[in-house]
Amino acid sequence: MKVKNFEVILEKDEGGWFIADVPSLPGCHTQGKTKKEALNNIKEAMGLCVEEYKAKRAQLAEHEASEKS
């Protein structure tokens, strides 16, 4: 399994929540009441975002292959 490193931006909002965002994975963000919770949540979100990206990439490749035949 390949390990990728992603930059995570962690900010505290005016309500006291920690917001975690991964700029290189569009739409990949979450929150937590504590830093630890936000970081645990973003790890899970990143896994889901990467899975979704791979699925979309596979669909595109399949579509392109069917257009060539």
C-alpha atoms as a PDB file:
ATOM      1  CA  MET A   1       0.000   0.000   0.000  1.00  0.00           C
ATOM      2  CA  LYS A   2       1.327   3.416  -0.946  1.00  0.00           C
ATOM      3  CA  VAL A   3       1.360   6.079   1.720  1.00  0.00           C
ATOM      4  CA  LYS A   4       0.614   9.616   0.583  1.00  0.00           C
ATOM      5  CA  ASN A   5       1.186  12.762   2.580  1.00  0.00           C
ATOM      6  CA  PHE A   6      -1.429  15.481   2.388  1.00  0.00           C
ATOM      7  CA  GLU A   7      -1.358  18.953   3.855  1.00  0.00           C
ATOM      8  CA  VAL A   8      -4.159  19.431   6.391  1.00  0.00           C
ATOM      9  CA  ILE A   9      -5.204  22.923   7.407  1.00  0.00           C
ATOM     10  CA  LEU A  10      -6.689  23.091  10.889  1.00  0.00           C
ATOM     11  CA  GLU A  11      -8.453  26.250  12.052  1.00  0.00           C
ATOM     12  CA  LYS A  12     -10.646  27.104  15.007  1.00  0.00           C
ATOM     13  CA  ASP A  13     -13.897  28.842  14.101  1.00  0.00           C
ATOM     14  CA  GLU A  14     -15.768  31.483  16.085  1.00  0.00           C
ATOM     15  CA  GLY A  15     -17.961  28.802  17.678  1.00  0.00           C
ATOM     16  CA  GLY A  16     -14.960  26.954  19.088  1.00  0.00           C
ATOM     17  CA  TRP A  17     -15.037  24.073  16.580  1.00  0.00           C
ATOM     18  CA  PHE A  18     -11.881  22.922  14.817  1.00  0.00           C
ATOM     19  CA  ILE A  19     -12.252  22.821  11.036  1.00  0.00           C
ATOM     20  CA  ALA A  20      -9.948  20.516   9.078  1.00  0.00           C
ATOM     21  CA  ASP A  21      -9.461  20.912   5.322  1.00  0.00           C
ATOM     22  CA  VAL A  22      -7.292  19.126   2.746  1.00  0.00           C
ATOM     23  CA  PRO A  23      -6.662  21.624  -0.082  1.00  0.00           C
ATOM     24  CA  SER A  24      -5.371  18.991  -2.525  1.00  0.00           C
ATOM     25  CA  LEU A  25      -8.583  16.936  -2.162  1.00  0.00           C
ATOM     26  CA  PRO A  26     -11.456  19.206  -3.239  1.00  0.00           C
ATOM     27  CA  GLY A  27     -14.445  18.870  -0.928  1.00  0.00           C
ATOM     28  CA  CYS A  28     -12.467  17.008   1.727  1.00  0.00           C
ATOM     29  CA  HIS A  29     -13.145  18.773   4.997  1.00  0.00           C
ATOM     30  CA  THR A  30     -14.682  18.070   8.380  1.00  0.00           C
ATOM     31  CA  GLN A  31     -14.839  19.408  11.904  1.00  0.00           C
ATOM     32  CA  GLY A  32     -14.453  18.380  15.507  1.00  0.00           C
ATOM     33  CA  LYS A  33     -15.030  19.864  18.929  1.00  0.00           C
ATOM     34  CA  THR A  34     -11.370  19.197  19.762  1.00  0.00           C
ATOM     35  CA  LYS A  35      -8.190  19.120  17.657  1.00  0.00           C
ATOM     36  CA  LYS A  36      -7.929  15.388  18.207  1.00  0.00           C
ATOM     37  CA  GLU A  37     -11.502  14.796  17.048  1.00  0.00           C
ATOM     38  CA  ALA A  38     -11.042  16.989  13.956  1.00  0.00           C
ATOM     39  CA  LEU A  39      -7.812  15.182  13.032  1.00  0.00           C
ATOM     40  CA  ASN A  40      -9.405  11.751  13.512  1.00  0.00           C
ATOM     41  CA  ASN A  41     -12.369  12.871  11.403  1.00  0.00           C
ATOM     42  CA  ILE A  42     -10.174  14.211   8.599  1.00  0.00           C
ATOM     43  CA  LYS A  43      -8.250  10.932   8.420  1.00  0.00           C
ATOM     44  CA  GLU A  44     -11.535   9.129   7.817  1.00  0.00           C
ATOM     45  CA  ALA A  45     -12.714  11.791   5.350  1.00  0.00           C
ATOM     46  CA  MET A  46      -9.430  11.595   3.430  1.00  0.00           C
ATOM     47  CA  GLY A  47      -9.835   7.844   3.024  1.00  0.00           C
ATOM     48  CA  LEU A  48     -13.335   8.334   1.649  1.00  0.00           C
ATOM     49  CA  CYS A  49     -12.238  11.158  -0.670  1.00  0.00           C
ATOM     50  CA  VAL A  50      -9.385   9.071  -2.081  1.00  0.00           C
ATOM     51  CA  GLU A  51     -11.730   6.092  -2.610  1.00  0.00           C
ATOM     52  CA  GLU A  52     -14.195   8.351  -4.432  1.00  0.00           C
ATOM     53  CA  TYR A  53     -11.407   9.783  -6.593  1.00  0.00           C
ATOM     54  CA  LYS A  54     -10.235   6.283  -7.539  1.00  0.00           C
ATOM     55  CA  ALA A  55     -13.799   5.211  -8.400  1.00  0.00           C
ATOM     56  CA  LYS A  56     -14.330   8.277 -10.599  1.00  0.00           C
ATOM     57  CA  ARG A  57     -10.971   7.717 -12.296  1.00  0.00           C
ATOM     58  CA  ALA A  58     -11.914   4.083 -13.018  1.00  0.00           C
ATOM     59  CA  GLN A  59     -15.299   5.167 -14.433  1.00  0.00           C
ATOM     60  CA  LEU A  60     -13.592   7.685 -16.694  1.00  0.00           C
ATOM     61  CA  ALA A  61     -11.113   5.092 -17.940  1.00  0.00           C
ATOM     62  CA  GLU A  62     -13.963   2.653 -18.603  1.00  0.00           C
ATOM     63  CA  HIS A  63     -15.924   5.322 -20.474  1.00  0.00           C
ATOM     64  CA  GLU A  64     -12.896   6.270 -22.582  1.00  0.00           C
ATOM     65  CA  ALA A  65     -12.244   2.595 -23.417  1.00  0.00           C
ATOM     66  CA  SER A  66     -15.855   2.075 -24.513  1.00  0.00           C
ATOM     67  CA  GLU A  67     -15.666   5.148 -26.776  1.00  0.00           C
ATOM     68  CA  LYS A  68     -12.595   3.711 -28.543  1.00  0.00           C
ATOM     69  CA  SER A  69     -14.324   0.418 -29.374  1.00  0.00           C
END
